[in-house]
PDB file of N, CA and C in Angstrom:
ATOM      1  N   GLY A   1     122.735 166.868 106.879  1.00  0.00           N
ATOM      2  CA  GLY A   1     123.173 165.607 107.335  1.00  0.00           C
ATOM      3  C   GLY A   1     123.500 165.003 106.132  1.00  0.00           C
ATOM      4  N   LYS A   2     122.916 165.061 105.166  1.00  0.00           N
ATOM      5  CA  LYS A   2     122.935 164.143 103.624  1.00  0.00           C
ATOM      6  C   LYS A   2     124.345 164.885 103.174  1.00  0.00           C
ATOM      7  N   ASP A   3     124.377 166.335 103.084  1.00  0.00           N
ATOM      8  CA  ASP A   3     125.609 166.898 102.266  1.00  0.00           C
ATOM      9  C   ASP A   3     127.218 166.743 102.952  1.00  0.00           C
ATOM     10  N   PHE A   4     126.808 166.551 104.274  1.00  0.00           N
ATOM     11  CA  PHE A   4     128.066 166.362 105.311  1.00  0.00           C
ATOM     12  C   PHE A   4     128.448 165.242 104.785  1.00  0.00           C
ATOM     13  N   VAL A   5     127.543 164.219 105.275  1.00  0.00           N
ATOM     14  CA  VAL A   5     127.906 162.749 104.761  1.00  0.00           C
ATOM     15  C   VAL A   5     128.432 162.488 103.245  1.00  0.00           C
ATOM     16  N   GLN A   6     128.109 163.113 102.118  1.00  0.00           N
ATOM     17  CA  GLN A   6     128.859 163.018 101.095  1.00  0.00           C
ATOM     18  C   GLN A   6     130.333 163.800 100.834  1.00  0.00           C
ATOM     19  N   PHE A   7     130.501 164.941 101.996  1.00  0.00           N
ATOM     20  CA  PHE A   7     131.874 165.643 101.972  1.00  0.00           C
ATOM     21  C   PHE A   7     132.476 164.553 102.683  1.00  0.00           C
ATOM     22  N   ALA A   8     132.569 163.887 103.960  1.00  0.00           N
ATOM     23  CA  ALA A   8     133.193 163.000 104.645  1.00  0.00           C
ATOM     24  C   ALA A   8     133.453 161.722 103.511  1.00  0.00           C
ATOM     25  N   LYS A   9     132.435 161.394 102.807  1.00  0.00           N
ATOM     26  CA  LYS A   9     132.966 159.959 101.924  1.00  0.00           C
ATOM     27  C   LYS A   9     133.824 160.738 100.927  1.00  0.00           C
ATOM     28  N   ALA A  10     133.886 161.703 100.557  1.00  0.00           N
ATOM     29  CA  ALA A  10     135.098 162.340  99.375  1.00  0.00           C
ATOM     30  C   ALA A  10     136.355 162.345 100.324  1.00  0.00           C
ATOM     31  N   VAL A  11     136.259 162.825 101.265  1.00  0.00           N
ATOM     32  CA  VAL A  11     137.600 163.188 102.064  1.00  0.00           C
ATOM     33  C   VAL A  11     137.853 161.545 101.953  1.00  0.00           C
ATOM     34  N   GLY A  12     137.112 160.728 102.940  1.00  0.00           N
ATOM     35  CA  GLY A  12     137.786 159.353 102.970  1.00  0.00           C
ATOM     36  C   GLY A  12     138.213 158.727 101.953  1.00  0.00           C
ATOM     37  N   VAL A  13     137.649 158.526 101.102  1.00  0.00           N
ATOM     38  CA  VAL A  13     138.057 157.971  99.743  1.00  0.00           C
ATOM     39  C   VAL A  13     139.406 158.698  99.253  1.00  0.00           C
ATOM     40  N   SER A  14     139.219 160.128  99.082  1.00  0.00           N
ATOM     41  CA  SER A  14     140.442 160.678  98.411  1.00  0.00           C
ATOM     42  C   SER A  14     141.688 161.075  99.417  1.00  0.00           C
ATOM     43  N   HIS A  15     141.279 161.051 100.585  1.00  0.00           N
ATOM     44  CA  HIS A  15     142.374 161.448 101.413  1.00  0.00           C
ATOM     45  C   HIS A  15     142.175 160.420 102.638  1.00  0.00           C
ATOM     46  N   PRO A  16     142.846 158.980 102.664  1.00  0.00           N
ATOM     47  CA  PRO A  16     142.394 158.236 104.179  1.00  0.00           C
ATOM     48  C   PRO A  16     143.505 158.705 105.023  1.00  0.00           C
ATOM     49  N   SER A  17     144.398 159.510 105.036  1.00  0.00           N
ATOM     50  CA  SER A  17     144.981 160.045 106.014  1.00  0.00           C
ATOM     51  C   SER A  17     144.244 160.945 106.745  1.00  0.00           C
ATOM     52  N   ILE A  18     143.890 162.123 106.136  1.00  0.00           N
ATOM     53  CA  ILE A  18     142.596 162.773 106.787  1.00  0.00           C
ATOM     54  C   ILE A  18     141.332 162.046 107.753  1.00  0.00           C
ATOM     55  N   ASP A  19     141.000 161.019 106.812  1.00  0.00           N
ATOM     56  CA  ASP A  19     139.744 160.177 107.555  1.00  0.00           C
ATOM     57  C   ASP A  19     140.466 159.741 108.970  1.00  0.00           C
ATOM     58  N   GLY A  20     141.682 159.301 108.881  1.00  0.00           N
ATOM     59  CA  GLY A  20     142.000 158.677 110.568  1.00  0.00           C
ATOM     60  C   GLY A  20     142.564 159.794 111.584  1.00  0.00           C
ATOM     61  N   LYS A  21     141.875 160.857 111.203  1.00  0.00           N
ATOM     62  CA  LYS A  21     142.504 162.180 111.995  1.00  0.00           C
ATOM     63  C   LYS A  21     141.318 162.501 112.382  1.00  0.00           C
ATOM     64  N   VAL A  22     140.131 162.916 112.020  1.00  0.00           N
ATOM     65  CA  VAL A  22     138.810 163.156 112.225  1.00  0.00           C
ATOM     66  C   VAL A  22     137.921 162.311 113.129  1.00  0.00           C
ATOM     67  N   CYS A  23     137.161 162.586 114.083  1.00  0.00           N
ATOM     68  CA  CYS A  23     136.505 161.968 114.823  1.00  0.00           C
ATOM     69  C   CYS A  23     137.260 160.538 115.422  1.00  0.00           C
ATOM     70  N   LYS A  24     138.127 160.536 115.690  1.00  0.00           N
ATOM     71  CA  LYS A  24     139.089 159.480 116.132  1.00  0.00           C
ATOM     72  C   LYS A  24     138.680 159.390 117.874  1.00  0.00           C
ATOM     73  N   THR A  25     138.315 157.996 117.775  1.00  0.00           N
ATOM     74  CA  THR A  25     137.945 157.748 119.245  1.00  0.00           C
ATOM     75  C   THR A  25     139.086 157.644 120.513  1.00  0.00           C
ATOM     76  N   LYS A  26     139.080 157.890 121.668  1.00  0.00           N
ATOM     77  CA  LYS A  26     140.302 157.646 122.432  1.00  0.00           C
ATOM     78  C   LYS A  26     140.347 156.968 123.481  1.00  0.00           C
ATOM     79  N   ALA A  27     141.264 156.212 124.043  1.00  0.00           N
ATOM     80  CA  ALA A  27     140.839 155.091 124.755  1.00  0.00           C
ATOM     81  C   ALA A  27     141.305 155.760 126.179  1.00  0.00           C
ATOM     82  N   ASP A  28     140.847 155.406 127.372  1.00  0.00           N
ATOM     83  CA  ASP A  28     141.001 155.537 128.875  1.00  0.00           C
ATOM     84  C   ASP A  28     142.239 154.493 129.314  1.00  0.00           C
ATOM     85  N   SER A  29     142.111 154.585 130.534  1.00  0.00           N
ATOM     86  CA  SER A  29     143.154 153.566 131.180  1.00  0.00           C
ATOM     87  C   SER A  29     142.759 152.175 130.782  1.00  0.00           C
ATOM     88  N   SER A  30     141.672 151.719 130.479  1.00  0.00           N
ATOM     89  CA  SER A  30     141.284 150.215 130.295  1.00  0.00           C
ATOM     90  C   SER A  30     141.828 149.875 129.244  1.00  0.00           C
ATOM     91  N   LYS A  31     142.575 150.831 128.028  1.00  0.00           N
ATOM     92  CA  LYS A  31     142.546 150.798 126.710  1.00  0.00           C
ATOM     93  C   LYS A  31     141.673 150.054 125.868  1.00  0.00           C
ATOM     94  N   LYS A  32     140.446 150.516 126.215  1.00  0.00           N
ATOM     95  CA  LYS A  32     139.108 150.061 125.414  1.00  0.00           C
ATOM     96  C   LYS A  32     138.744 151.102 124.762  1.00  0.00           C
ATOM     97  N   PHE A  33     138.521 151.188 123.646  1.00  0.00           N
ATOM     98  CA  PHE A  33     137.691 152.605 122.971  1.00  0.00           C
ATOM     99  C   PHE A  33     136.200 152.138 122.791  1.00  0.00           C
ATOM    100  N   PRO A  34     135.622 153.502 122.871  1.00  0.00           N
ATOM    101  CA  PRO A  34     134.497 153.485 122.719  1.00  0.00           C
ATOM    102  C   PRO A  34     133.700 153.174 120.844  1.00  0.00           C
ATOM    103  N   LEU A  35     132.701 152.455 120.844  1.00  0.00           N
ATOM    104  CA  LEU A  35     132.446 151.825 119.450  1.00  0.00           C
ATOM    105  C   LEU A  35     131.148 152.790 118.919  1.00  0.00           C
ATOM    106  N   TYR A  36     131.651 153.246 117.753  1.00  0.00           N
ATOM    107  CA  TYR A  36     130.481 154.291 117.326  1.00  0.00           C
ATOM    108  C   TYR A  36     129.259 153.254 116.888  1.00  0.00           C
ATOM    109  N   SER A  37     127.811 154.137 117.413  1.00  0.00           N
ATOM    110  CA  SER A  37     126.379 153.521 117.489  1.00  0.00           C
ATOM    111  C   SER A  37     125.779 154.502 117.245  1.00  0.00           C
ATOM    112  N   ASP A  38     124.448 154.026 116.784  1.00  0.00           N
ATOM    113  CA  ASP A  38     123.359 155.285 116.516  1.00  0.00           C
ATOM    114  C   ASP A  38     122.923 156.259 117.711  1.00  0.00           C
ATOM    115  N   GLU A  39     123.574 155.649 119.049  1.00  0.00           N
ATOM    116  CA  GLU A  39     122.742 156.199 120.353  1.00  0.00           C
ATOM    117  C   GLU A  39     124.245 156.108 121.225  1.00  0.00           C
ATOM    118  N   THR A  40     124.060 156.917 122.282  1.00  0.00           N
ATOM    119  CA  THR A  40     125.207 157.142 123.604  1.00  0.00           C
ATOM    120  C   THR A  40     124.392 156.713 124.574  1.00  0.00           C
ATOM    121  N   HIS A  41     125.311 155.371 124.855  1.00  0.00           N
ATOM    122  CA  HIS A  41     124.567 154.464 125.794  1.00  0.00           C
ATOM    123  C   HIS A  41     125.553 154.987 127.374  1.00  0.00           C
ATOM    124  N   THR A  42     125.082 154.817 128.264  1.00  0.00           N
ATOM    125  CA  THR A  42     125.883 154.609 129.635  1.00  0.00           C
ATOM    126  C   THR A  42     126.859 153.694 129.720  1.00  0.00           C
ATOM    127  N   LYS A  43     128.230 154.123 129.694  1.00  0.00           N
ATOM    128  CA  LYS A  43     129.343 153.154 129.627  1.00  0.00           C
ATOM    129  C   LYS A  43     129.496 152.255 130.780  1.00  0.00           C
ATOM    130  N   GLY A  44     129.824 151.195 130.341  1.00  0.00           N
ATOM    131  CA  GLY A  44     129.843 150.144 131.538  1.00  0.00           C
ATOM    132  C   GLY A  44     131.085 149.002 131.350  1.00  0.00           C
ATOM    133  N   ALA A  45     131.107 147.943 131.753  1.00  0.00           N
ATOM    134  CA  ALA A  45     132.299 147.244 131.728  1.00  0.00           C
ATOM    135  C   ALA A  45     132.337 146.602 130.148  1.00  0.00           C
ATOM    136  N   SER A  46     131.235 146.543 129.816  1.00  0.00           N
ATOM    137  CA  SER A  46     131.123 145.708 128.348  1.00  0.00           C
ATOM    138  C   SER A  46     130.500 146.762 127.306  1.00  0.00           C
ATOM    139  N   GLU A  47     130.521 147.865 127.780  1.00  0.00           N
ATOM    140  CA  GLU A  47     129.505 148.963 127.094  1.00  0.00           C
ATOM    141  C   GLU A  47     129.928 150.010 126.953  1.00  0.00           C
ATOM    142  N   GLY A  48     130.140 150.365 125.641  1.00  0.00           N
ATOM    143  CA  GLY A  48     131.049 151.456 125.143  1.00  0.00           C
ATOM    144  C   GLY A  48     130.330 152.086 123.758  1.00  0.00           C
ATOM    145  N   ARG A  49     129.265 152.070 123.537  1.00  0.00           N
ATOM    146  CA  ARG A  49     128.723 152.826 122.193  1.00  0.00           C
ATOM    147  C   ARG A  49     128.433 154.049 122.457  1.00  0.00           C
ATOM    148  N   THR A  50     128.609 154.572 121.595  1.00  0.00           N
ATOM    149  CA  THR A  50     128.517 156.123 121.306  1.00  0.00           C
ATOM    150  C   THR A  50     127.997 156.908 120.256  1.00  0.00           C
ATOM    151  N   SER A  51     127.563 157.865 120.415  1.00  0.00           N
ATOM    152  CA  SER A  51     127.110 158.794 118.989  1.00  0.00           C
ATOM    153  C   SER A  51     127.931 159.922 118.928  1.00  0.00           C
ATOM    154  N   LEU A  52     128.789 160.077 119.550  1.00  0.00           N
ATOM    155  CA  LEU A  52     129.307 161.673 119.926  1.00  0.00           C
ATOM    156  C   LEU A  52     131.110 161.267 119.134  1.00  0.00           C
ATOM    157  N   CYS A  53     131.433 162.211 118.056  1.00  0.00           N
ATOM    158  CA  CYS A  53     132.440 162.278 117.693  1.00  0.00           C
ATOM    159  C   CYS A  53     133.660 162.292 118.254  1.00  0.00           C
ATOM    160  N   GLY A  54     134.719 161.548 118.342  1.00  0.00           N
ATOM    161  CA  GLY A  54     135.704 161.760 119.109  1.00  0.00           C
ATOM    162  C   GLY A  54     135.512 161.152 120.485  1.00  0.00           C
ATOM    163  N   ASP A  55     134.570 160.723 120.813  1.00  0.00           N
ATOM    164  CA  ASP A  55     134.178 160.270 122.286  1.00  0.00           C
ATOM    165  C   ASP A  55     135.551 159.538 122.772  1.00  0.00           C
ATOM    166  N   ASN A  56     135.763 159.973 124.503  1.00  0.00           N
ATOM    167  CA  ASN A  56     136.513 159.137 125.109  1.00  0.00           C
ATOM    168  C   ASN A  56     136.041 157.944 125.870  1.00  0.00           C
ATOM    169  N   GLY A  57     136.705 156.994 125.626  1.00  0.00           N
ATOM    170  CA  GLY A  57     136.666 155.790 126.511  1.00  0.00           C
ATOM    171  C   GLY A  57     136.835 156.165 128.050  1.00  0.00           C
ATOM    172  N   SER A  58     135.822 154.933 128.563  1.00  0.00           N
ATOM    173  CA  SER A  58     135.730 155.395 130.160  1.00  0.00           C
ATOM    174  C   SER A  58     136.452 154.243 130.715  1.00  0.00           C
ATOM    175  N   SER A  59     136.844 154.752 132.031  1.00  0.00           N
ATOM    176  CA  SER A  59     137.722 153.691 132.733  1.00  0.00           C
ATOM    177  C   SER A  59     137.215 152.265 133.199  1.00  0.00           C
ATOM    178  N   THR A  60     135.342 152.807 133.030  1.00  0.00           N
ATOM    179  CA  THR A  60     134.603 151.708 133.243  1.00  0.00           C
ATOM    180  C   THR A  60     134.390 150.297 132.071  1.00  0.00           C
ATOM    181  N   ILE A  61     135.001 150.873 131.145  1.00  0.00           N
ATOM    182  CA  ILE A  61     135.112 149.743 130.023  1.00  0.00           C
ATOM    183  C   ILE A  61     136.278 148.841 130.199  1.00  0.00           C
ATOM    184  N   THR A  62     136.002 147.766 130.381  1.00  0.00           N
ATOM    185  CA  THR A  62     137.200 146.906 130.936  1.00  0.00           C
ATOM    186  C   THR A  62     136.941 145.564 130.358  1.00  0.00           C
ATOM    187  N   ASN A  63     136.205 145.170 129.650  1.00  0.00           N
ATOM    188  CA  ASN A  63     135.925 143.744 129.103  1.00  0.00           C
ATOM    189  C   ASN A  63     135.750 144.061 127.233  1.00  0.00           C
ATOM    190  N   SER A  64     136.279 142.854 126.708  1.00  0.00           N
ATOM    191  CA  SER A  64     135.859 143.070 125.215  1.00  0.00           C
ATOM    192  C   SER A  64     134.730 142.584 125.000  1.00  0.00           C
ATOM    193  N   GLY A  65     134.168 142.982 123.819  1.00  0.00           N
ATOM    194  CA  GLY A  65     132.711 142.328 123.273  1.00  0.00           C
ATOM    195  C   GLY A  65     132.049 143.215 122.441  1.00  0.00           C
ATOM    196  N   ALA A  66     130.734 142.976 122.159  1.00  0.00           N
ATOM    197  CA  ALA A  66     130.361 143.126 120.612  1.00  0.00           C
ATOM    198  C   ALA A  66     129.993 145.019 120.827  1.00  0.00           C
ATOM    199  N   ASN A  67     130.017 145.494 122.243  1.00  0.00           N
ATOM    200  CA  ASN A  67     129.886 146.932 121.970  1.00  0.00           C
ATOM    201  C   ASN A  67     130.926 147.699 122.717  1.00  0.00           C
ATOM    202  N   VAL A  68     132.038 147.290 122.395  1.00  0.00           N
ATOM    203  CA  VAL A  68     133.537 148.136 122.694  1.00  0.00           C
ATOM    204  C   VAL A  68     134.315 147.615 121.750  1.00  0.00           C
ATOM    205  N   SER A  69     134.950 148.826 120.981  1.00  0.00           N
ATOM    206  CA  SER A  69     136.516 148.516 120.314  1.00  0.00           C
ATOM    207  C   SER A  69     137.744 148.421 121.014  1.00  0.00           C
ATOM    208  N   GLU A  70     138.340 147.524 120.372  1.00  0.00           N
ATOM    209  CA  GLU A  70     139.931 147.076 120.581  1.00  0.00           C
ATOM    210  C   GLU A  70     140.619 148.454 120.070  1.00  0.00           C
ATOM    211  N   THR A  71     140.082 148.856 118.943  1.00  0.00           N
ATOM    212  CA  THR A  71     141.177 150.343 118.014  1.00  0.00           C
ATOM    213  C   THR A  71     140.361 151.073 118.341  1.00  0.00           C
ATOM    214  N   GLY A  72     140.923 152.046 117.962  1.00  0.00           N
ATOM    215  CA  GLY A  72     140.176 153.743 117.857  1.00  0.00           C
ATOM    216  C   GLY A  72     139.356 153.627 116.850  1.00  0.00           C
ATOM    217  N   GLN A  73     137.931 154.080 116.787  1.00  0.00           N
ATOM    218  CA  GLN A  73     137.279 154.224 115.426  1.00  0.00           C
ATOM    219  C   GLN A  73     137.437 155.909 115.217  1.00  0.00           C
ATOM    220  N   VAL A  74     137.545 155.653 113.839  1.00  0.00           N
ATOM    221  CA  VAL A  74     137.880 157.030 112.921  1.00  0.00           C
ATOM    222  C   VAL A  74     136.472 157.635 112.227  1.00  0.00           C
ATOM    223  N   PHE A  75     136.766 158.448 111.283  1.00  0.00           N
ATOM    224  CA  PHE A  75     135.837 159.450 110.582  1.00  0.00           C
ATOM    225  C   PHE A  75     134.721 158.390 109.558  1.00  0.00           C
ATOM    226  N   ARG A  76     135.255 157.493 109.028  1.00  0.00           N
ATOM    227  CA  ARG A  76     134.281 156.491 108.101  1.00  0.00           C
ATOM    228  C   ARG A  76     133.582 155.593 109.165  1.00  0.00           C
ATOM    229  N   ASP A  77     133.882 155.395 110.268  1.00  0.00           N
ATOM    230  CA  ASP A  77     133.282 154.468 111.251  1.00  0.00           C
ATOM    231  C   ASP A  77     132.107 155.371 111.874  1.00  0.00           C
ATOM    232  N   PHE A  78     132.410 156.786 112.243  1.00  0.00           N
ATOM    233  CA  PHE A  78     131.422 157.492 112.587  1.00  0.00           C
ATOM    234  C   PHE A  78     130.118 157.675 111.414  1.00  0.00           C
ATOM    235  N   ILE A  79     130.725 158.019 110.603  1.00  0.00           N
ATOM    236  CA  ILE A  79     129.810 157.898 109.220  1.00  0.00           C
ATOM    237  C   ILE A  79     128.700 156.816 108.968  1.00  0.00           C
ATOM    238  N   ARG A  80     129.486 155.434 108.953  1.00  0.00           N
ATOM    239  CA  ARG A  80     128.870 154.661 108.675  1.00  0.00           C
ATOM    240  C   ARG A  80     127.707 154.040 109.801  1.00  0.00           C
ATOM    241  N   ALA A  81     128.446 154.156 111.103  1.00  0.00           N
ATOM    242  CA  ALA A  81     127.697 153.869 112.178  1.00  0.00           C
ATOM    243  C   ALA A  81     126.720 154.881 112.705  1.00  0.00           C
ATOM    244  N   THR A  82     127.011 155.965 113.153  1.00  0.00           N
ATOM    245  CA  THR A  82     126.571 156.988 113.640  1.00  0.00           C
ATOM    246  C   THR A  82     125.463 157.576 112.879  1.00  0.00           C
ATOM    247  N   LEU A  83     126.089 158.074 111.919  1.00  0.00           N
ATOM    248  CA  LEU A  83     125.270 158.962 110.828  1.00  0.00           C
ATOM    249  C   LEU A  83     124.525 158.287 109.511  1.00  0.00           C
ATOM    250  N   LYS A  84     124.630 156.630 109.988  1.00  0.00           N
ATOM    251  CA  LYS A  84     123.832 156.077 109.300  1.00  0.00           C
ATOM    252  C   LYS A  84     123.600 155.968 107.766  1.00  0.00           C
ATOM    253  N   GLU A  85     125.260 156.426 107.341  1.00  0.00           N
ATOM    254  CA  GLU A  85     125.659 156.334 105.647  1.00  0.00           C
ATOM    255  C   GLU A  85     124.690 157.265 105.151  1.00  0.00           C
ATOM    256  N   ASP A  86     123.671 157.938 105.884  1.00  0.00           N
ATOM    257  CA  ASP A  86     123.083 159.083 105.259  1.00  0.00           C
ATOM    258  C   ASP A  86     122.907 160.285 105.678  1.00  0.00           C
ATOM    259  N   GLY A  87     123.121 160.405 106.743  1.00  0.00           N
ATOM    260  CA  GLY A  87     123.117 161.689 107.699  1.00  0.00           C
ATOM    261  C   GLY A  87     121.593 161.966 108.259  1.00  0.00           C
ATOM    262  N   SER A  88     120.954 160.855 107.894  1.00  0.00           N
ATOM    263  CA  SER A  88     119.620 161.109 108.785  1.00  0.00           C
ATOM    264  C   SER A  88     119.430 160.942 110.315  1.00  0.00           C
ATOM    265  N   LYS A  89     120.737 160.739 111.242  1.00  0.00           N
ATOM    266  CA  LYS A  89     120.713 160.802 112.467  1.00  0.00           C
ATOM    267  C   LYS A  89     121.860 161.347 112.675  1.00  0.00           C
ATOM    268  N   ASN A  90     122.084 161.705 114.089  1.00  0.00           N
ATOM    269  CA  ASN A  90     123.051 162.418 114.929  1.00  0.00           C
ATOM    270  C   ASN A  90     123.588 163.645 114.345  1.00  0.00           C
ATOM    271  N   TRP A  91     123.181 164.098 113.437  1.00  0.00           N
ATOM    272  CA  TRP A  91     123.996 165.072 112.903  1.00  0.00           C
ATOM    273  C   TRP A  91     122.891 166.330 112.802  1.00  0.00           C
ATOM    274  N   PRO A  92     123.462 167.486 113.520  1.00  0.00           N
ATOM    275  CA  PRO A  92     124.620 167.641 113.860  1.00  0.00           C
ATOM    276  C   PRO A  92     125.122 167.826 115.323  1.00  0.00           C
ATOM    277  N   THR A  93     123.575 166.944 115.812  1.00  0.00           N
ATOM    278  CA  THR A  93     123.911 166.777 117.175  1.00  0.00           C
ATOM    279  C   THR A  93     123.569 165.000 117.917  1.00  0.00           C
ATOM    280  N   SER A  94     124.034 164.899 118.658  1.00  0.00           N
ATOM    281  CA  SER A  94     124.503 163.303 118.881  1.00  0.00           C
ATOM    282  C   SER A  94     122.905 162.836 119.874  1.00  0.00           C
ATOM    283  N   SER A  95     122.924 161.746 119.990  1.00  0.00           N
ATOM    284  CA  SER A  95     121.547 161.402 120.728  1.00  0.00           C
ATOM    285  C   SER A  95     122.085 160.117 121.809  1.00  0.00           C
ATOM    286  N   GLY A  96     121.107 159.827 122.757  1.00  0.00           N
ATOM    287  CA  GLY A  96     121.491 158.611 123.546  1.00  0.00           C
ATOM    288  C   GLY A  96     121.015 159.365 124.908  1.00  0.00           C
ATOM    289  N   THR A  97     121.063 158.327 125.749  1.00  0.00           N
ATOM    290  CA  THR A  97     120.541 158.548 127.260  1.00  0.00           C
ATOM    291  C   THR A  97     121.866 158.644 127.871  1.00  0.00           C
ATOM    292  N   GLY A  98     123.137 158.027 127.341  1.00  0.00           N
ATOM    293  CA  GLY A  98     124.377 157.774 128.353  1.00  0.00           C
ATOM    294  C   GLY A  98     125.158 159.094 128.271  1.00  0.00           C
ATOM    295  N   THR A  99     126.301 158.883 128.966  1.00  0.00           N
ATOM    296  CA  THR A  99     126.733 159.918 128.998  1.00  0.00           C
ATOM    297  C   THR A  99     128.352 159.782 128.111  1.00  0.00           C
ATOM    298  N   PRO A 100     128.680 160.971 127.644  1.00  0.00           N
ATOM    299  CA  PRO A 100     128.022 162.522 127.404  1.00  0.00           C
ATOM    300  C   PRO A 100     126.593 162.624 126.927  1.00  0.00           C
ATOM    301  N   LYS A 101     126.089 163.208 127.651  1.00  0.00           N
ATOM    302  CA  LYS A 101     124.778 163.710 127.562  1.00  0.00           C
ATOM    303  C   LYS A 101     124.733 164.487 126.005  1.00  0.00           C
ATOM    304  N   PRO A 102     123.634 164.084 125.118  1.00  0.00           N
ATOM    305  CA  PRO A 102     123.660 165.204 123.676  1.00  0.00           C
ATOM    306  C   PRO A 102     123.457 166.920 124.239  1.00  0.00           C
ATOM    307  N   VAL A 103     124.510 167.590 123.484  1.00  0.00           N
ATOM    308  CA  VAL A 103     124.280 169.117 123.619  1.00  0.00           C
ATOM    309  C   VAL A 103     124.163 169.374 122.293  1.00  0.00           C
ATOM    310  N   THR A 104     123.472 170.332 122.144  1.00  0.00           N
ATOM    311  CA  THR A 104     123.380 171.070 120.380  1.00  0.00           C
ATOM    312  C   THR A 104     124.412 171.203 120.013  1.00  0.00           C
ATOM    313  N   ASN A 105     124.249 170.380 118.854  1.00  0.00           N
ATOM    314  CA  ASN A 105     125.637 170.701 117.927  1.00  0.00           C
ATOM    315  C   ASN A 105     126.811 169.890 118.285  1.00  0.00           C
ATOM    316  N   ASP A 106     126.622 169.261 119.132  1.00  0.00           N
ATOM    317  CA  ASP A 106     128.208 168.597 119.528  1.00  0.00           C
ATOM    318  C   ASP A 106     129.053 168.201 118.536  1.00  0.00           C
ATOM    319  N   ASN A 107     128.294 167.220 117.563  1.00  0.00           N
ATOM    320  CA  ASN A 107     129.001 166.494 116.488  1.00  0.00           C
ATOM    321  C   ASN A 107     129.566 167.734 115.915  1.00  0.00           C
ATOM    322  N   ALA A 108     128.675 168.761 115.026  1.00  0.00           N
ATOM    323  CA  ALA A 108     129.176 169.488 114.255  1.00  0.00           C
ATOM    324  C   ALA A 108     130.628 170.188 114.999  1.00  0.00           C
ATOM    325  N   LYS A 109     130.427 170.646 116.044  1.00  0.00           N
ATOM    326  CA  LYS A 109     131.537 171.387 116.974  1.00  0.00           C
ATOM    327  C   LYS A 109     132.663 170.409 116.757  1.00  0.00           C
ATOM    328  N   ALA A 110     132.469 168.876 117.360  1.00  0.00           N
ATOM    329  CA  ALA A 110     133.374 168.140 117.498  1.00  0.00           C
ATOM    330  C   ALA A 110     134.120 167.680 116.229  1.00  0.00           C
ATOM    331  N   VAL A 111     133.637 167.885 114.890  1.00  0.00           N
ATOM    332  CA  VAL A 111     134.319 167.621 113.581  1.00  0.00           C
ATOM    333  C   VAL A 111     135.227 168.991 113.364  1.00  0.00           C
ATOM    334  N   ALA A 112     134.566 170.010 113.645  1.00  0.00           N
ATOM    335  CA  ALA A 112     135.268 171.344 113.069  1.00  0.00           C
ATOM    336  C   ALA A 112     136.242 171.544 114.094  1.00  0.00           C
ATOM    337  N   LYS A 113     136.322 171.208 115.036  1.00  0.00           N
ATOM    338  CA  LYS A 113     137.579 170.977 116.311  1.00  0.00           C
ATOM    339  C   LYS A 113     138.254 170.497 115.899  1.00  0.00           C
ATOM    340  N   ASP A 114     137.937 169.005 115.217  1.00  0.00           N
ATOM    341  CA  ASP A 114     139.161 168.048 114.599  1.00  0.00           C
ATOM    342  C   ASP A 114     140.001 168.818 113.358  1.00  0.00           C
ATOM    343  N   LEU A 115     138.875 169.231 112.719  1.00  0.00           N
ATOM    344  CA  LEU A 115     139.597 169.616 111.434  1.00  0.00           C
ATOM    345  C   LEU A 115     140.270 170.932 111.320  1.00  0.00           C
ATOM    346  N   VAL A 116     140.213 171.629 112.501  1.00  0.00           N
ATOM    347  CA  VAL A 116     141.190 172.863 112.809  1.00  0.00           C
ATOM    348  C   VAL A 116     142.483 172.023 113.653  1.00  0.00           C
ATOM    349  N   GLN A 117     142.245 171.323 114.818  1.00  0.00           N
ATOM    350  CA  GLN A 117     143.491 170.933 115.217  1.00  0.00           C
ATOM    351  C   GLN A 117     144.033 169.974 115.105  1.00  0.00           C
ATOM    352  N   GLU A 118     143.730 169.213 114.385  1.00  0.00           N
ATOM    353  CA  GLU A 118     144.229 167.634 114.023  1.00  0.00           C
ATOM    354  C   GLU A 118     144.879 167.577 112.854  1.00  0.00           C
ATOM    355  N   LEU A 119     144.293 168.201 111.806  1.00  0.00           N
ATOM    356  CA  LEU A 119     145.081 168.632 110.363  1.00  0.00           C
ATOM    357  C   LEU A 119     146.204 169.245 110.337  1.00  0.00           C
ATOM    358  N   THR A 120     147.219 169.205 109.396  1.00  0.00           N
ATOM    359  CA  THR A 120     148.351 169.490 108.851  1.00  0.00           C
ATOM    360  C   THR A 120     147.541 170.887 108.264  1.00  0.00           C
ATOM    361  N   PRO A 121     148.215 172.026 107.983  1.00  0.00           N
ATOM    362  CA  PRO A 121     148.026 173.103 107.045  1.00  0.00           C
ATOM    363  C   PRO A 121     147.669 172.560 105.596  1.00  0.00           C
ATOM    364  N   GLU A 122     148.673 171.959 105.491  1.00  0.00           N
ATOM    365  CA  GLU A 122     148.047 171.141 103.886  1.00  0.00           C
ATOM    366  C   GLU A 122     146.731 170.465 103.832  1.00  0.00           C
ATOM    367  N   GLU A 123     146.618 169.517 104.592  1.00  0.00           N
ATOM    368  CA  GLU A 123     145.349 169.076 104.877  1.00  0.00           C
ATOM    369  C   GLU A 123     144.138 169.497 104.864  1.00  0.00           C
ATOM    370  N   GLU A 124     144.382 170.716 105.664  1.00  0.00           N
ATOM    371  CA  GLU A 124     143.415 171.870 105.927  1.00  0.00           C
ATOM    372  C   GLU A 124     142.926 172.569 104.563  1.00  0.00           C
ATOM    373  N   THR A 125     143.910 172.611 103.640  1.00  0.00           N
ATOM    374  CA  THR A 125     143.545 173.209 102.427  1.00  0.00           C
ATOM    375  C   THR A 125     142.696 172.464 101.419  1.00  0.00           C
ATOM    376  N   ILE A 126     143.436 171.132 101.640  1.00  0.00           N
ATOM    377  CA  ILE A 126     142.401 169.695 101.099  1.00  0.00           C
ATOM    378  C   ILE A 126     140.964 169.939 101.035  1.00  0.00           C
ATOM    379  N   VAL A 127     140.760 170.032 102.935  1.00  0.00           N
ATOM    380  CA  VAL A 127     139.572 169.858 102.806  1.00  0.00           C
ATOM    381  C   VAL A 127     138.449 171.244 102.657  1.00  0.00           C
ATOM    382  N   ALA A 128     139.231 172.555 102.903  1.00  0.00           N
ATOM    383  CA  ALA A 128     138.566 173.578 102.307  1.00  0.00           C
ATOM    384  C   ALA A 128     138.236 173.799 100.982  1.00  0.00           C
TER     385      ALA A 128
END
């Protein structure tokens, strides 16, 4: 986890455009976004905390509040809030009791997917 966090911080500092494409949370019909946290919680009207890279908002998130984001969160937010800046938690697998439930290596797979599908060939070369 620690080595991955160092890699992520280096990418974020030197290439902010890449940082904005990896682990980007998605809004659902409510236009509210999940909020990166150290655990995934069951989503509700004012609850959107997640520990899963690139998690999708739920149509049940309808209110603003401390546990919801008004904008998409990205790689740097994931590193800060979910991996706790040092990789001591949620790498390579998310944690929590909410949905989606943690699946072995889910965060590692989500990051790898974004690195392959969301980046341009030039950005992939930079990351490599």
